[in-house]
Protein backbone atom coordinates (compact mmCIF):
# COMPACT_ATOMS: atom_id res chain seq x y z
CA MET A 1 -72.71 170.83 76.30
CA ASN A 2 -71.37 169.22 72.88
CA SER A 3 -73.24 170.96 69.65
CA GLN A 4 -72.31 168.04 67.69
CA THR A 5 -74.93 165.61 66.67
CA ASP A 6 -73.47 161.88 66.46
CA SER A 7 -73.83 162.09 62.55
CA ASP A 8 -71.76 165.28 62.35
CA GLN A 9 -69.25 163.70 64.59
CA GLN A 10 -69.15 160.50 62.01
CA GLU A 11 -68.98 162.72 59.11
CA ALA A 12 -66.20 164.79 60.80
CA ALA A 13 -64.16 161.50 61.20
CA VAL A 14 -64.57 160.23 57.30
CA ASP A 15 -63.95 164.16 56.10
CA LEU A 16 -60.80 162.47 53.96
CA PRO A 17 -58.41 164.67 51.69
CA GLU A 18 -59.49 164.65 48.05
CA GLN A 19 -56.74 162.63 47.17
CA LEU A 20 -57.42 159.99 49.64
CA LYS A 21 -60.93 159.85 48.18
CA LYS A 22 -59.44 159.52 44.71
CA LEU A 23 -56.99 156.69 45.81
CA ILE A 24 -60.37 154.86 47.27
CA GLU A 25 -61.84 155.11 43.94
CA LEU A 26 -58.91 153.83 41.91
CA ILE A 27 -58.50 150.74 44.40
CA VAL A 28 -62.80 149.91 44.19
CA MET A 29 -63.17 150.68 40.38
CA HIS A 30 -59.74 148.00 39.57
CA ASN A 31 -61.22 145.49 41.88
CA PRO A 32 -61.79 142.53 39.78
CA TYR A 33 -64.83 141.41 42.20
CA THR A 34 -67.13 144.22 41.72
CA ASP A 35 -68.79 146.53 39.31
CA GLY A 36 -66.42 149.35 40.29
CA HIS A 37 -68.75 151.43 42.90
CA PRO A 38 -67.37 152.48 45.95
CA GLY A 39 -70.60 150.58 47.93
CA ASP A 40 -69.08 147.26 46.28
CA MET A 41 -66.29 147.15 49.24
CA ASP A 42 -66.51 147.19 52.62
CA PHE A 43 -63.09 147.08 55.33
CA LEU A 44 -64.89 146.94 58.32
CA ILE A 45 -64.90 143.27 59.14
CA TYR A 46 -65.63 143.41 62.72
CA PRO A 47 -68.70 144.37 64.21
CA PRO A 48 -69.67 148.11 64.57
CA THR A 49 -69.27 149.59 67.66
CA GLY A 50 -72.02 152.41 67.26
CA GLU A 51 -69.21 155.35 66.99
CA ALA A 52 -67.34 156.20 63.91
CA ALA A 53 -65.22 153.27 62.53
CA LYS A 54 -62.16 152.52 64.54
CA PHE A 55 -59.12 150.56 63.33
CA SER A 56 -60.18 147.51 65.73
CA GLN A 57 -62.98 146.94 63.25
CA PHE A 58 -60.14 146.04 60.19
CA LYS A 59 -58.42 142.85 59.90
CA VAL A 60 -55.29 143.82 58.90
CA GLU A 61 -51.90 141.88 59.08
CA VAL A 62 -48.64 143.54 58.89
CA GLU A 63 -45.03 141.87 57.42
CA ALA A 64 -41.73 143.88 57.73
CA GLY A 65 -38.26 143.40 58.50
CA TYR A 66 -38.18 140.56 55.90
CA PRO A 67 -37.60 142.07 52.47
CA THR A 68 -39.01 140.14 49.77
CA GLU A 69 -39.67 140.95 45.98
CA TRP A 70 -42.29 141.02 44.21
CA SER A 71 -42.67 140.68 40.25
CA PHE A 72 -44.54 143.83 38.55
CA LYS A 73 -44.60 143.51 35.02
CA GLY A 74 -42.01 141.26 34.68
CA GLN A 75 -39.40 143.51 36.72
CA PRO A 76 -38.12 142.64 40.29
CA GLN A 77 -39.46 144.79 43.05
CA LYS A 78 -38.00 145.06 46.09
CA ILE A 79 -40.65 145.10 49.36
CA ASN A 80 -39.78 145.57 52.51
CA LYS A 81 -43.28 145.81 54.17
CA ILE A 82 -46.60 144.34 53.64
CA LEU A 83 -50.18 145.15 54.46
CA ARG A 84 -52.79 142.45 54.06
CA ILE A 85 -56.07 144.12 54.63
CA GLN A 86 -59.30 141.82 54.62
CA TYR A 87 -62.29 143.40 53.07
CA ARG A 88 -65.64 142.21 51.55
CA ALA A 89 -66.71 142.97 48.14
CA LYS A 90 -70.14 142.64 46.39
CA ALA A 91 -69.92 140.54 43.98
CA SER A 92 -71.76 139.20 41.15
CA ALA A 93 -73.25 135.82 40.67
CA LYS A 94 -71.57 133.84 37.58
CA ASP A 95 -73.31 131.05 35.55
CA GLY A 96 -70.94 128.04 33.95
CA TYR A 97 -69.85 130.44 31.68
CA GLY A 98 -68.49 133.05 33.32
CA GLU A 99 -71.57 135.54 32.58
CA ALA A 100 -73.42 137.52 35.49
CA ARG A 101 -76.88 135.53 36.23
CA ARG A 102 -78.70 138.79 36.71
CA ALA A 103 -77.74 142.14 37.60
CA ASP A 104 -79.25 142.19 41.12
CA ASP A 105 -77.75 138.73 41.87
CA LYS A 106 -74.91 139.68 44.46
CA TYR A 107 -73.74 138.28 47.55
CA TRP A 108 -70.80 139.31 49.39
CA MET A 109 -67.32 137.65 49.19
CA THR A 110 -63.89 137.98 51.18
CA ALA A 111 -61.06 138.72 50.02
CA GLN A 112 -57.43 140.49 50.78
CA LEU A 113 -56.11 143.38 49.28
CA LEU A 114 -52.07 143.40 49.79
CA ILE A 115 -50.16 146.84 49.87
CA GLY A 116 -46.35 146.58 49.48
CA PHE A 117 -44.05 149.52 50.36
CA GLU A 118 -41.25 149.33 48.03
CA ASP A 119 -37.74 149.78 49.53
CA GLY A 120 -37.65 152.03 52.60
CA SER A 121 -36.60 150.52 55.88
CA ALA A 122 -38.84 148.07 57.60
């Protein structure tokens, strides 16, 4: 008999090392569409299965084997593998001047996070 409850198993599944938690915080903090709170981004695009999150719930595209260049701070960077991850972000509705209408006036938008792996093999 398994002594762990479903919530215990889900917590164990998302128990990340501290440096990965900080990386997630950094990504969310710099997302221009959110207020920088961890709950403002959701990577689970496909419906939940009632179990802990699975890779099949993410929408990820990978391009590799076709080296390309990205410009970063005016300098070319050789990129050999790219991940494009779809996510939802809780964004603030803006008026015609780019100002938030009301603090509680939020909606979920869909966007893409691109991660480029520099150099290395594809």
